[in-house]
Amino acid sequence: MRGSGAAGLAGIGAINPFAGGWLVRPLIHVSRRDLQRYAAEANLDWLDDPANEDRRFDRNYLRHSVLPILEERWPDVTKRLARSADLAGEAASLLEDLAEHDLRDVGDRPGRIEIGGLQSLSEERKRNLLRHAIRRSGLPVPGAAKLRSVLEQLIPAKQDAQPLVAWPGVEIRRYRDNLYILPAGASQQPADDGQVLGDTPLQLPQGLGTLSLSPGVELGLDEAIIEQGLTVHYRRGGEEIQPVGQAHTRKLKKLLQEEGVVPWMRERLPLVYAGGQLVAVADLWIASAAASKPGTAIRWREKPVLH
């Protein structure tokens, strides 16, 4: 009734990924009538959820008001609908396989899709790939109108533009030659509370992952710098740093542009300070004056896409 595609018509399968585990419905193909008959013959007690009788809910309206009428005309309609759902499930599985194949051809990263590869696909395969990539990113898939907006607004945009198509929970952006599939709020700068970076991994806000120190690398932060105490801040504008291997102090804004860091992440990069001085930019650069051989590396795990 919602105008779903094959995946929607297939409904919830017997086994589905759910959060960190699985949702298993082993009795999904057993009718309510058969379950009640078995329970009565086995002298089992059961509970009926009163919400299942509330016809304000669409599923209950269909079950109690519509299906009985259909069964008068087609007594085996429930089995026919189940068969149709199974066939839709097979079709949905084939579409997923096709989308996974296409994803490998456009960078093999569900959160970043190469526009050149996407453009080589038919319109139907473009939409199929986008739905798949959004699902693979753990985000809600939109209706046809929003997918059409992605294809009609983002792909033709100029490389230096920063167009955006959004719906609840999701943002899709273009930067240079890629589309980026992001959770909502991916461009929001975190509050600059000056978090302390020490011996244990530091959980960054807003899904930015964790920062930690890893001693014993060939080149890293000097121990004397670490002993001053490290704090994590975010960009305020005007930051400068002389990275290891470069002869001069550089504007951080310019470094980020040259590195190709996506614009919406430039304000969200964790900046590491010691004694009021910028000594590292996430895991991208270490200040020459703060480095030593050997030294301590900064590890940034579970970080968002930067390029």
Protein backbone atom coordinates (compact mmCIF):
# COMPACT_ATOMS: atom_id res chain seq x y z
CA MET A 1 0.00 0.00 0.00
CA ARG A 2 3.04 2.32 0.39
CA GLY A 3 4.17 1.75 -3.20
CA SER A 4 7.19 -0.30 -2.17
CA GLY A 5 9.61 -1.95 -4.55
CA ALA A 6 10.65 -5.58 -4.47
CA ALA A 7 12.30 -5.35 -1.05
CA GLY A 8 9.17 -3.80 0.49
CA LEU A 9 6.87 -6.36 -1.12
CA ALA A 10 9.08 -9.17 0.20
CA GLY A 11 8.49 -7.98 3.77
CA ILE A 12 10.59 -9.05 6.72
CA GLY A 13 12.43 -12.28 6.03
CA ALA A 14 12.96 -15.22 8.35
CA ILE A 15 16.50 -14.03 9.23
CA ASN A 16 17.59 -10.39 9.08
CA PRO A 17 20.54 -8.37 10.40
CA PHE A 18 19.44 -6.25 13.34
CA ALA A 19 21.64 -3.83 15.31
CA GLY A 20 24.67 -5.91 16.32
CA GLY A 21 22.97 -9.27 15.85
CA TRP A 22 20.12 -10.99 14.05
CA LEU A 23 16.33 -10.88 14.09
CA VAL A 24 15.04 -14.44 13.58
CA ARG A 25 11.38 -15.29 12.89
CA PRO A 26 11.28 -19.10 12.62
CA LEU A 27 7.45 -19.29 12.47
CA ILE A 28 6.97 -16.64 9.78
CA HIS A 29 5.61 -19.18 7.26
CA VAL A 30 3.20 -20.80 9.74
CA SER A 31 -0.33 -19.38 9.71
CA ARG A 32 -1.98 -18.01 12.83
CA ARG A 33 -4.75 -20.60 12.40
CA ASP A 34 -2.27 -23.48 12.39
CA LEU A 35 -0.42 -22.09 15.41
CA GLN A 36 -3.65 -21.77 17.39
CA ARG A 37 -4.69 -25.29 16.44
CA TYR A 38 -1.33 -26.71 17.51
CA ALA A 39 -1.34 -24.77 20.78
CA ALA A 40 -4.87 -25.95 21.60
CA GLU A 41 -4.04 -29.61 20.84
CA ALA A 42 -0.90 -29.37 22.98
CA ASN A 43 -2.80 -27.70 25.85
CA LEU A 44 -0.54 -24.65 25.67
CA ASP A 45 -1.45 -21.29 27.13
CA TRP A 46 -0.66 -18.14 25.17
CA LEU A 47 -1.08 -14.41 25.40
CA ASP A 48 -2.90 -12.32 22.81
CA ASP A 49 -1.61 -8.78 22.36
CA PRO A 50 -4.72 -6.54 22.46
CA ALA A 51 -2.96 -4.13 20.09
CA ASN A 52 -3.38 -6.77 17.38
CA GLU A 53 -7.13 -6.05 17.38
CA ASP A 54 -6.81 -2.29 17.00
CA ARG A 55 -7.91 -1.53 13.43
CA ARG A 56 -6.40 1.95 13.51
CA PHE A 57 -3.16 0.20 12.57
CA ASP A 58 -2.91 -0.60 8.87
CA ARG A 59 -1.74 -4.18 9.35
CA ASN A 60 -4.70 -4.95 11.62
CA TYR A 61 -7.16 -3.29 9.25
CA LEU A 62 -5.85 -5.46 6.42
CA ARG A 63 -5.86 -8.60 8.56
CA HIS A 64 -9.36 -8.20 10.01
CA SER A 65 -11.27 -6.17 7.41
CA VAL A 66 -9.68 -6.82 4.01
CA LEU A 67 -8.30 -10.37 4.03
CA PRO A 68 -11.62 -12.01 5.03
CA ILE A 69 -13.27 -10.44 1.97
CA LEU A 70 -10.45 -11.62 -0.28
CA GLU A 71 -10.65 -15.12 1.20
CA GLU A 72 -14.33 -15.32 0.25
CA ARG A 73 -13.28 -14.98 -3.38
CA TRP A 74 -9.90 -16.72 -3.22
CA PRO A 75 -9.77 -19.12 -0.25
CA ASP A 76 -6.00 -19.62 -0.59
CA VAL A 77 -5.19 -15.92 -0.94
CA THR A 78 -2.84 -15.92 2.07
CA LYS A 79 -0.69 -18.61 0.48
CA ARG A 80 -0.73 -16.73 -2.84
CA LEU A 81 0.40 -13.52 -1.16
CA ALA A 82 3.13 -15.39 0.67
CA ARG A 83 4.30 -16.86 -2.62
CA SER A 84 4.34 -13.41 -4.21
CA ALA A 85 6.37 -12.14 -1.27
CA ASP A 86 8.87 -14.99 -1.73
CA LEU A 87 9.24 -14.14 -5.43
CA ALA A 88 9.68 -10.47 -4.57
CA GLY A 89 12.35 -11.52 -2.08
CA GLU A 90 14.22 -13.40 -4.82
CA ALA A 91 14.01 -10.36 -7.08
CA ALA A 92 15.24 -8.10 -4.27
CA SER A 93 18.18 -10.44 -3.67
CA LEU A 94 19.15 -10.29 -7.36
CA LEU A 95 18.94 -6.48 -7.27
CA GLU A 96 21.22 -6.47 -4.21
CA ASP A 97 23.74 -8.67 -6.04
CA LEU A 98 23.66 -6.34 -9.05
CA ALA A 99 24.09 -3.29 -6.83
CA GLU A 100 27.04 -4.88 -5.03
CA HIS A 101 28.65 -5.58 -8.40
CA ASP A 102 28.09 -1.97 -9.48
CA LEU A 103 29.41 -0.67 -6.17
CA ARG A 104 32.74 -2.38 -6.79
CA ASP A 105 32.98 -0.47 -10.07
CA VAL A 106 32.42 2.94 -8.44
CA GLY A 107 35.02 2.76 -5.67
CA ASP A 108 33.74 -0.12 -3.50
CA ARG A 109 32.91 2.26 -0.63
CA PRO A 110 29.22 2.66 0.18
CA GLY A 111 29.81 6.07 1.77
CA ARG A 112 31.59 7.49 -1.30
CA ILE A 113 30.49 6.89 -4.89
CA GLU A 114 32.57 7.91 -7.91
CA ILE A 115 30.36 10.01 -10.17
CA GLY A 116 32.10 8.92 -13.37
CA GLY A 117 31.30 5.26 -12.70
CA LEU A 118 27.76 6.08 -11.61
CA GLN A 119 27.18 8.01 -14.85
CA SER A 120 28.03 4.92 -16.91
CA LEU A 121 25.00 3.05 -15.51
CA SER A 122 21.43 3.11 -16.72
CA GLU A 123 18.98 5.25 -14.75
CA GLU A 124 17.47 2.15 -13.14
CA ARG A 125 20.88 0.84 -12.04
CA LYS A 126 21.86 4.27 -10.70
CA ARG A 127 18.81 4.30 -8.43
CA ASN A 128 19.35 0.67 -7.45
CA LEU A 129 22.98 1.39 -6.54
CA LEU A 130 22.08 4.46 -4.50
CA ARG A 131 19.46 2.55 -2.49
CA HIS A 132 21.99 -0.22 -1.84
CA ALA A 133 24.76 2.18 -0.81
CA ILE A 134 22.42 4.04 1.56
CA ARG A 135 21.33 0.76 3.18
CA ARG A 136 24.96 -0.41 3.40
CA SER A 137 25.73 2.86 5.21
CA GLY A 138 23.09 1.98 7.82
CA LEU A 139 20.87 4.91 6.86
CA PRO A 140 17.17 5.20 5.90
CA VAL A 141 16.40 4.85 2.19
CA PRO A 142 14.22 7.65 0.75
CA GLY A 143 11.40 7.58 -1.75
CA ALA A 144 11.78 7.93 -5.49
CA ALA A 145 11.52 11.74 -5.47
CA LYS A 146 14.60 12.20 -3.25
CA LEU A 147 16.64 9.72 -5.30
CA ARG A 148 15.67 11.65 -8.41
CA SER A 149 16.85 14.86 -6.72
CA VAL A 150 20.24 13.27 -6.04
CA LEU A 151 20.66 12.34 -9.69
CA GLU A 152 19.29 15.61 -11.10
CA GLN A 153 20.82 18.11 -8.66
CA LEU A 154 24.10 16.68 -7.39
CA ILE A 155 25.55 14.97 -10.45
CA PRO A 156 25.28 17.97 -12.83
CA ALA A 157 26.62 20.39 -10.20
CA LYS A 158 29.93 22.14 -10.77
CA GLN A 159 32.99 20.66 -9.07
CA ASP A 160 33.48 23.73 -6.89
CA ALA A 161 29.83 23.75 -5.73
CA GLN A 162 28.73 22.09 -2.51
CA PRO A 163 25.16 20.94 -3.27
CA LEU A 164 23.17 18.98 -0.72
CA VAL A 165 20.13 16.70 -0.83
CA ALA A 166 18.82 15.68 2.59
CA TRP A 167 15.98 13.80 4.27
CA PRO A 168 15.49 12.76 7.91
CA GLY A 169 18.69 11.08 9.10
CA VAL A 170 20.64 11.46 5.85
CA GLU A 171 22.66 13.97 3.84
CA ILE A 172 24.08 13.34 0.38
CA ARG A 173 26.73 15.79 -0.78
CA ARG A 174 28.95 16.21 -3.79
CA TYR A 175 32.62 17.19 -3.60
CA ARG A 176 34.80 17.15 -6.68
CA ASP A 177 34.08 13.86 -8.51
CA ASN A 178 32.34 11.94 -5.73
CA LEU A 179 29.00 11.64 -3.98
CA TYR A 180 29.16 11.25 -0.20
CA ILE A 181 26.42 9.48 1.77
CA LEU A 182 26.44 10.85 5.31
CA PRO A 183 24.38 10.71 8.49
CA ALA A 184 22.48 13.88 9.28
CA GLY A 185 24.57 16.45 11.13
CA ALA A 186 27.79 15.36 9.42
CA SER A 187 28.74 19.01 8.87
CA GLN A 188 28.00 20.26 12.38
CA GLN A 189 31.07 21.40 14.33
CA PRO A 190 31.38 19.80 17.79
CA ALA A 191 31.42 21.89 20.93
CA ASP A 192 34.99 22.92 21.71
CA ASP A 193 35.27 21.70 25.31
CA GLY A 194 39.00 20.99 25.31
CA GLN A 195 38.97 17.21 25.82
CA VAL A 196 42.08 15.71 27.40
CA LEU A 197 44.03 13.16 25.35
CA GLY A 198 45.96 10.81 27.62
CA ASP A 199 46.77 7.16 28.15
CA THR A 200 43.30 5.83 27.31
CA PRO A 201 41.46 6.25 23.99
CA LEU A 202 39.47 9.47 23.80
CA GLN A 203 35.89 9.17 22.55
CA LEU A 204 35.20 12.13 20.28
CA PRO A 205 31.69 13.62 20.04
CA GLN A 206 29.15 13.35 17.22
CA GLY A 207 30.30 10.00 15.87
CA LEU A 208 33.83 11.20 15.11
CA GLY A 209 35.45 8.03 16.44
CA THR A 210 38.33 7.82 18.92
CA LEU A 211 41.81 9.30 19.29
CA SER A 212 44.61 7.44 21.04
CA LEU A 213 48.37 7.62 21.50
CA SER A 214 50.60 4.86 20.13
CA PRO A 215 54.23 5.08 21.30
CA GLY A 216 57.23 3.52 19.61
CA VAL A 217 56.72 4.63 16.02
CA GLU A 218 59.53 5.80 13.76
CA LEU A 219 58.34 9.42 13.79
CA GLY A 220 55.78 10.94 16.14
CA LEU A 221 55.16 13.36 18.98
CA ASP A 222 58.08 14.00 21.30
CA GLU A 223 57.65 12.66 24.85
CA ALA A 224 58.47 16.09 26.29
CA ILE A 225 55.51 17.53 24.35
CA ILE A 226 53.18 14.82 25.63
CA GLU A 227 54.27 15.47 29.22
CA GLN A 228 52.97 19.05 28.89
CA GLY A 229 49.49 17.58 28.56
CA LEU A 230 47.48 17.22 25.35
CA THR A 231 44.05 18.68 24.71
CA VAL A 232 41.76 18.33 21.70
CA HIS A 233 40.02 21.36 20.16
CA TYR A 234 38.35 22.17 16.85
CA ARG A 235 38.95 24.90 14.31
CA ARG A 236 38.34 28.49 15.22
CA GLY A 237 40.01 29.98 12.14
CA GLY A 238 43.52 31.22 11.46
CA GLU A 239 45.35 28.09 12.68
CA GLU A 240 48.90 27.57 11.42
CA ILE A 241 51.32 24.65 11.58
CA GLN A 242 54.70 23.71 10.12
CA PRO A 243 54.24 20.02 9.32
CA VAL A 244 57.15 17.61 9.47
CA GLY A 245 58.96 17.67 6.13
CA GLN A 246 57.85 21.16 5.15
CA ALA A 247 60.13 24.19 5.29
CA HIS A 248 57.61 26.83 6.30
CA THR A 249 54.64 27.43 8.55
CA ARG A 250 51.40 26.95 6.60
CA LYS A 251 47.82 28.06 7.05
CA LEU A 252 45.78 25.04 8.08
CA LYS A 253 43.01 26.15 5.72
CA LYS A 254 45.41 25.90 2.77
CA LEU A 255 46.78 22.52 3.86
CA LEU A 256 43.28 21.06 4.08
CA GLN A 257 42.43 22.33 0.61
CA GLU A 258 45.59 20.83 -0.87
CA GLU A 259 44.99 17.54 0.91
CA GLY A 260 41.49 17.37 -0.55
CA VAL A 261 39.72 17.00 2.79
CA VAL A 262 35.99 17.31 2.15
CA PRO A 263 34.75 20.77 3.18
CA TRP A 264 32.23 19.57 5.78
CA MET A 265 34.98 17.74 7.70
CA ARG A 266 37.41 20.65 7.89
CA GLU A 267 35.64 22.14 10.90
CA ARG A 268 35.34 18.72 12.56
CA LEU A 269 38.98 17.63 12.53
CA PRO A 270 40.37 17.06 16.04
CA LEU A 271 43.27 19.44 16.62
CA VAL A 272 45.80 18.44 19.28
CA TYR A 273 47.37 21.17 21.41
CA ALA A 274 50.15 21.19 23.99
CA GLY A 275 51.04 24.28 26.00
CA GLY A 276 48.70 26.34 23.85
CA GLN A 277 50.46 25.32 20.63
CA LEU A 278 48.99 23.27 17.78
CA VAL A 279 51.16 20.13 17.67
CA ALA A 280 49.09 17.79 15.50
CA VAL A 281 46.12 17.86 13.13
CA ALA A 282 44.27 14.61 13.76
CA ASP A 283 46.42 11.86 12.23
CA LEU A 284 47.29 13.98 9.18
CA TRP A 285 50.19 16.18 10.31
CA ILE A 286 52.57 16.60 13.25
CA ALA A 287 54.27 19.94 13.90
CA SER A 288 57.97 19.81 13.12
CA ALA A 289 58.88 21.42 16.46
CA ALA A 290 56.87 18.77 18.35
CA ALA A 291 58.22 15.69 16.57
CA SER A 292 60.94 13.22 17.45
CA LYS A 293 62.44 9.94 16.24
CA PRO A 294 61.22 7.62 17.64
CA GLY A 295 57.99 9.17 18.82
CA THR A 296 54.32 8.63 19.62
CA ALA A 297 51.75 8.43 16.86
CA ILE A 298 48.20 9.71 17.04
CA ARG A 299 45.71 7.06 15.95
CA TRP A 300 42.26 8.09 14.74
CA ARG A 301 39.93 5.12 14.60
CA GLU A 302 36.37 4.90 13.26
CA LYS A 303 36.81 8.29 11.65
CA PRO A 304 34.42 9.62 9.02
CA VAL A 305 35.38 9.78 5.36
CA LEU A 306 37.88 12.61 4.82
CA HIS A 307 38.60 12.41 1.08
